[in-house]
Amino acid sequence: GWTLWSAEIPVSAKSSTVQLCAKA
């Protein structure tokens, strides 16, 4: 079966856009 995941991650205070990545 699938594994469901969740996370809370810090982002740069200086950026207006960010790229999120995931790898299992």
PDB file of all heavy atoms in Angstrom:
ATOM      1  N   GLY A   1       0.787  -1.227   0.000  1.00  0.00           N
ATOM      2  CA  GLY A   1       0.000   0.000   0.000  1.00  0.00           C
ATOM      3  C   GLY A   1       0.820   1.279   0.000  1.00  0.00           C
ATOM      4  O   GLY A   1       2.035   1.275   0.222  1.00  0.00           O
ATOM      5  N   TRP A   2       0.119   2.384  -0.245  1.00  0.00           N
ATOM      6  CA  TRP A   2       0.748   3.698  -0.186  1.00  0.00           C
ATOM      7  C   TRP A   2       1.094   4.065   1.250  1.00  0.00           C
ATOM      8  O   TRP A   2       0.452   3.622   2.195  1.00  0.00           O
ATOM      9  CB  TRP A   2      -0.203   4.754  -0.723  1.00  0.00           C
ATOM     10  CG  TRP A   2      -0.412   4.746  -2.204  1.00  0.00           C
ATOM     11  CD1 TRP A   2       0.062   3.838  -3.094  1.00  0.00           C
ATOM     12  CD2 TRP A   2      -1.181   5.684  -2.962  1.00  0.00           C
ATOM     13  NE1 TRP A   2      -0.351   4.146  -4.358  1.00  0.00           N
ATOM     14  CE2 TRP A   2      -1.119   5.281  -4.311  1.00  0.00           C
ATOM     15  CE3 TRP A   2      -1.898   6.817  -2.627  1.00  0.00           C
ATOM     16  CZ2 TRP A   2      -1.762   5.988  -5.321  1.00  0.00           C
ATOM     17  CZ3 TRP A   2      -2.539   7.518  -3.640  1.00  0.00           C
ATOM     18  CH2 TRP A   2      -2.468   7.110  -4.967  1.00  0.00           C
ATOM     19  N   THR A   3       2.090   4.914   1.387  1.00  0.00           N
ATOM     20  CA  THR A   3       2.411   5.568   2.652  1.00  0.00           C
ATOM     21  C   THR A   3       2.069   7.047   2.517  1.00  0.00           C
ATOM     22  O   THR A   3       2.506   7.700   1.563  1.00  0.00           O
ATOM     23  CB  THR A   3       3.899   5.405   2.997  1.00  0.00           C
ATOM     24  OG1 THR A   3       4.178   4.022   3.256  1.00  0.00           O
ATOM     25  CG2 THR A   3       4.273   6.228   4.222  1.00  0.00           C
ATOM     26  N   LEU A   4       1.277   7.565   3.444  1.00  0.00           N
ATOM     27  CA  LEU A   4       0.944   8.986   3.447  1.00  0.00           C
ATOM     28  C   LEU A   4       1.903   9.710   4.383  1.00  0.00           C
ATOM     29  O   LEU A   4       2.184   9.226   5.475  1.00  0.00           O
ATOM     30  CB  LEU A   4      -0.498   9.191   3.902  1.00  0.00           C
ATOM     31  CG  LEU A   4      -1.564   8.424   3.105  1.00  0.00           C
ATOM     32  CD1 LEU A   4      -2.955   8.744   3.649  1.00  0.00           C
ATOM     33  CD2 LEU A   4      -1.484   8.747   1.621  1.00  0.00           C
ATOM     34  N   TRP A   5       2.390  10.845   3.966  1.00  0.00           N
ATOM     35  CA  TRP A   5       3.356  11.578   4.774  1.00  0.00           C
ATOM     36  C   TRP A   5       2.941  13.039   4.923  1.00  0.00           C
ATOM     37  O   TRP A   5       2.196  13.580   4.100  1.00  0.00           O
ATOM     38  CB  TRP A   5       4.766  11.493   4.172  1.00  0.00           C
ATOM     39  CG  TRP A   5       4.895  12.007   2.768  1.00  0.00           C
ATOM     40  CD1 TRP A   5       4.828  11.277   1.615  1.00  0.00           C
ATOM     41  CD2 TRP A   5       5.121  13.376   2.371  1.00  0.00           C
ATOM     42  NE1 TRP A   5       4.986  12.086   0.527  1.00  0.00           N
ATOM     43  CE2 TRP A   5       5.166  13.378   0.958  1.00  0.00           C
ATOM     44  CE3 TRP A   5       5.286  14.560   3.053  1.00  0.00           C
ATOM     45  CZ2 TRP A   5       5.374  14.547   0.225  1.00  0.00           C
ATOM     46  CZ3 TRP A   5       5.477  15.735   2.330  1.00  0.00           C
ATOM     47  CH2 TRP A   5       5.526  15.710   0.942  1.00  0.00           C
ATOM     48  N   SER A   6       3.428  13.670   5.961  1.00  0.00           N
ATOM     49  CA  SER A   6       3.199  15.101   6.173  1.00  0.00           C
ATOM     50  C   SER A   6       4.421  15.697   6.842  1.00  0.00           C
ATOM     51  O   SER A   6       5.172  15.008   7.532  1.00  0.00           O
ATOM     52  CB  SER A   6       1.944  15.346   7.016  1.00  0.00           C
ATOM     53  OG  SER A   6       2.060  14.730   8.282  1.00  0.00           O
ATOM     54  N   ALA A   7       4.617  16.994   6.619  1.00  0.00           N
ATOM     55  CA  ALA A   7       5.797  17.660   7.161  1.00  0.00           C
ATOM     56  C   ALA A   7       5.518  19.148   7.320  1.00  0.00           C
ATOM     57  O   ALA A   7       4.681  19.726   6.614  1.00  0.00           O
ATOM     58  CB  ALA A   7       6.994  17.458   6.237  1.00  0.00           C
ATOM     59  N   GLU A   8       6.234  19.740   8.237  1.00  0.00           N
ATOM     60  CA  GLU A   8       6.233  21.186   8.417  1.00  0.00           C
ATOM     61  C   GLU A   8       7.668  21.640   8.232  1.00  0.00           C
ATOM     62  O   GLU A   8       8.558  21.198   8.968  1.00  0.00           O
ATOM     63  CB  GLU A   8       5.716  21.543   9.814  1.00  0.00           C
ATOM     64  CG  GLU A   8       5.381  23.009   9.990  1.00  0.00           C
ATOM     65  CD  GLU A   8       4.700  23.278  11.319  1.00  0.00           C
ATOM     66  OE1 GLU A   8       5.226  22.803  12.348  1.00  0.00           O
ATOM     67  OE2 GLU A   8       3.667  23.960  11.320  1.00  0.00           O
ATOM     68  N   ILE A   9       7.906  22.494   7.248  1.00  0.00           N
ATOM     69  CA  ILE A   9       9.290  22.812   6.895  1.00  0.00           C
ATOM     70  C   ILE A   9       9.532  24.320   6.920  1.00  0.00           C
ATOM     71  O   ILE A   9       8.651  25.116   6.598  1.00  0.00           O
ATOM     72  CB  ILE A   9       9.657  22.268   5.507  1.00  0.00           C
ATOM     73  CG1 ILE A   9       8.765  22.886   4.429  1.00  0.00           C
ATOM     74  CG2 ILE A   9       9.555  20.757   5.477  1.00  0.00           C
ATOM     75  CD1 ILE A   9       9.232  22.585   3.034  1.00  0.00           C
ATOM     76  N   PRO A  10      10.746  24.728   7.300  1.00  0.00           N
ATOM     77  CA  PRO A  10      11.075  26.156   7.289  1.00  0.00           C
ATOM     78  C   PRO A  10      11.303  26.649   5.867  1.00  0.00           C
ATOM     79  O   PRO A  10      11.785  25.906   5.002  1.00  0.00           O
ATOM     80  CB  PRO A  10      12.366  26.213   8.113  1.00  0.00           C
ATOM     81  CG  PRO A  10      12.985  24.858   7.940  1.00  0.00           C
ATOM     82  CD  PRO A  10      11.842  23.892   7.828  1.00  0.00           C
ATOM     83  N   VAL A  11      10.950  27.908   5.622  1.00  0.00           N
ATOM     84  CA  VAL A  11      11.194  28.539   4.324  1.00  0.00           C
ATOM     85  C   VAL A  11      11.893  29.867   4.553  1.00  0.00           C
ATOM     86  O   VAL A  11      11.788  30.479   5.622  1.00  0.00           O
ATOM     87  CB  VAL A  11       9.881  28.743   3.531  1.00  0.00           C
ATOM     88  CG1 VAL A  11       9.304  27.419   3.078  1.00  0.00           C
ATOM     89  CG2 VAL A  11       8.859  29.516   4.360  1.00  0.00           C
ATOM     90  N   SER A  12      12.581  30.335   3.540  1.00  0.00           N
ATOM     91  CA  SER A  12      13.379  31.546   3.657  1.00  0.00           C
ATOM     92  C   SER A  12      12.485  32.776   3.826  1.00  0.00           C
ATOM     93  O   SER A  12      11.531  32.977   3.067  1.00  0.00           O
ATOM     94  CB  SER A  12      14.264  31.717   2.420  1.00  0.00           C
ATOM     95  OG  SER A  12      14.901  32.973   2.430  1.00  0.00           O
ATOM     96  N   ALA A  13      12.832  33.600   4.787  1.00  0.00           N
ATOM     97  CA  ALA A  13      12.074  34.836   5.014  1.00  0.00           C
ATOM     98  C   ALA A  13      12.356  35.864   3.924  1.00  0.00           C
ATOM     99  O   ALA A  13      11.611  36.839   3.773  1.00  0.00           O
ATOM    100  CB  ALA A  13      12.443  35.405   6.376  1.00  0.00           C
ATOM    101  N   LYS A  14      13.408  35.651   3.143  1.00  0.00           N
ATOM    102  CA  LYS A  14      13.789  36.610   2.107  1.00  0.00           C
ATOM    103  C   LYS A  14      13.167  36.304   0.751  1.00  0.00           C
ATOM    104  O   LYS A  14      13.259  37.119  -0.160  1.00  0.00           O
ATOM    105  CB  LYS A  14      15.319  36.623   1.965  1.00  0.00           C
ATOM    106  CG  LYS A  14      16.061  37.016   3.241  1.00  0.00           C
ATOM    107  CD  LYS A  14      17.561  36.966   3.022  1.00  0.00           C
ATOM    108  CE  LYS A  14      18.319  37.340   4.300  1.00  0.00           C
ATOM    109  NZ  LYS A  14      19.788  37.275   4.092  1.00  0.00           N
ATOM    110  N   SER A  15      12.565  35.148   0.620  1.00  0.00           N
ATOM    111  CA  SER A  15      12.059  34.727  -0.690  1.00  0.00           C
ATOM    112  C   SER A  15      10.550  34.909  -0.789  1.00  0.00           C
ATOM    113  O   SER A  15       9.818  34.725   0.191  1.00  0.00           O
ATOM    114  CB  SER A  15      12.402  33.262  -0.933  1.00  0.00           C
ATOM    115  OG  SER A  15      13.804  33.053  -0.906  1.00  0.00           O
ATOM    116  N   SER A  16      10.091  35.259  -1.993  1.00  0.00           N
ATOM    117  CA  SER A  16       8.654  35.322  -2.247  1.00  0.00           C
ATOM    118  C   SER A  16       8.141  34.047  -2.905  1.00  0.00           C
ATOM    119  O   SER A  16       6.951  33.745  -2.855  1.00  0.00           O
ATOM    120  CB  SER A  16       8.328  36.517  -3.144  1.00  0.00           C
ATOM    121  OG  SER A  16       9.029  36.416  -4.381  1.00  0.00           O
ATOM    122  N   THR A  17       9.053  33.289  -3.521  1.00  0.00           N
ATOM    123  CA  THR A  17       8.710  31.990  -4.104  1.00  0.00           C
ATOM    124  C   THR A  17       9.744  30.968  -3.675  1.00  0.00           C
ATOM    125  O   THR A  17      10.929  31.304  -3.514  1.00  0.00           O
ATOM    126  CB  THR A  17       8.662  32.046  -5.645  1.00  0.00           C
ATOM    127  OG1 THR A  17       9.966  32.409  -6.139  1.00  0.00           O
ATOM    128  CG2 THR A  17       7.632  33.057  -6.114  1.00  0.00           C
ATOM    129  N   VAL A  18       9.307  29.744  -3.480  1.00  0.00           N
ATOM    130  CA  VAL A  18      10.228  28.658  -3.133  1.00  0.00           C
ATOM    131  C   VAL A  18       9.849  27.407  -3.907  1.00  0.00           C
ATOM    132  O   VAL A  18       8.708  27.249  -4.361  1.00  0.00           O
ATOM    133  CB  VAL A  18      10.209  28.338  -1.614  1.00  0.00           C
ATOM    134  CG1 VAL A  18      10.736  29.505  -0.812  1.00  0.00           C
ATOM    135  CG2 VAL A  18       8.815  27.948  -1.161  1.00  0.00           C
ATOM    136  N   GLN A  19      10.824  26.525  -4.050  1.00  0.00           N
ATOM    137  CA  GLN A  19      10.571  25.231  -4.674  1.00  0.00           C
ATOM    138  C   GLN A  19      10.617  24.148  -3.606  1.00  0.00           C
ATOM    139  O   GLN A  19      11.621  23.987  -2.916  1.00  0.00           O
ATOM    140  CB  GLN A  19      11.602  24.922  -5.762  1.00  0.00           C
ATOM    141  CG  GLN A  19      11.297  23.622  -6.506  1.00  0.00           C
ATOM    142  CD  GLN A  19      12.306  23.332  -7.602  1.00  0.00           C
ATOM    143  OE1 GLN A  19      13.414  22.896  -7.332  1.00  0.00           O
ATOM    144  NE2 GLN A  19      11.912  23.595  -8.846  1.00  0.00           N
ATOM    145  N   LEU A  20       9.515  23.422  -3.491  1.00  0.00           N
ATOM    146  CA  LEU A  20       9.431  22.317  -2.548  1.00  0.00           C
ATOM    147  C   LEU A  20       9.821  21.022  -3.263  1.00  0.00           C
ATOM    148  O   LEU A  20       9.491  20.828  -4.430  1.00  0.00           O
ATOM    149  CB  LEU A  20       8.008  22.187  -2.001  1.00  0.00           C
ATOM    150  CG  LEU A  20       7.377  23.470  -1.449  1.00  0.00           C
ATOM    151  CD1 LEU A  20       5.952  23.197  -0.974  1.00  0.00           C
ATOM    152  CD2 LEU A  20       8.224  24.064  -0.338  1.00  0.00           C
ATOM    153  N   CYS A  21      10.523  20.132  -2.563  1.00  0.00           N
ATOM    154  CA  CYS A  21      10.947  18.854  -3.139  1.00  0.00           C
ATOM    155  C   CYS A  21      10.631  17.723  -2.167  1.00  0.00           C
ATOM    156  O   CYS A  21      10.606  17.929  -0.949  1.00  0.00           O
ATOM    157  CB  CYS A  21      12.442  18.827  -3.415  1.00  0.00           C
ATOM    158  SG  CYS A  21      13.048  20.124  -4.496  1.00  0.00           S
ATOM    159  N   ALA A  22      10.435  16.531  -2.730  1.00  0.00           N
ATOM    160  CA  ALA A  22      10.236  15.334  -1.905  1.00  0.00           C
ATOM    161  C   ALA A  22      10.930  14.155  -2.559  1.00  0.00           C
ATOM    162  O   ALA A  22      10.939  14.028  -3.790  1.00  0.00           O
ATOM    163  CB  ALA A  22       8.757  15.033  -1.726  1.00  0.00           C
ATOM    164  N   LYS A  23      11.535  13.296  -1.723  1.00  0.00           N
ATOM    165  CA  LYS A  23      12.117  12.042  -2.207  1.00  0.00           C
ATOM    166  C   LYS A  23      11.935  10.988  -1.120  1.00  0.00           C
ATOM    167  O   LYS A  23      12.109  11.248   0.063  1.00  0.00           O
ATOM    168  CB  LYS A  23      13.599  12.202  -2.564  1.00  0.00           C
ATOM    169  CG  LYS A  23      14.516  12.661  -1.431  1.00  0.00           C
ATOM    170  CD  LYS A  23      15.940  12.823  -1.933  1.00  0.00           C
ATOM    171  CE  LYS A  23      16.881  13.418  -0.899  1.00  0.00           C
ATOM    172  NZ  LYS A  23      17.259  12.481   0.172  1.00  0.00           N
ATOM    173  N   ALA A  24      11.562   9.791  -1.550  1.00  0.00           N
ATOM    174  CA  ALA A  24      11.286   8.709  -0.609  1.00  0.00           C
ATOM    175  C   ALA A  24      12.449   7.729  -0.551  1.00  0.00           C
ATOM    176  O   ALA A  24      13.251   7.622  -1.492  1.00  0.00           O
ATOM    177  CB  ALA A  24      10.014   7.970  -1.016  1.00  0.00           C
TER     178      ALA A  24
END
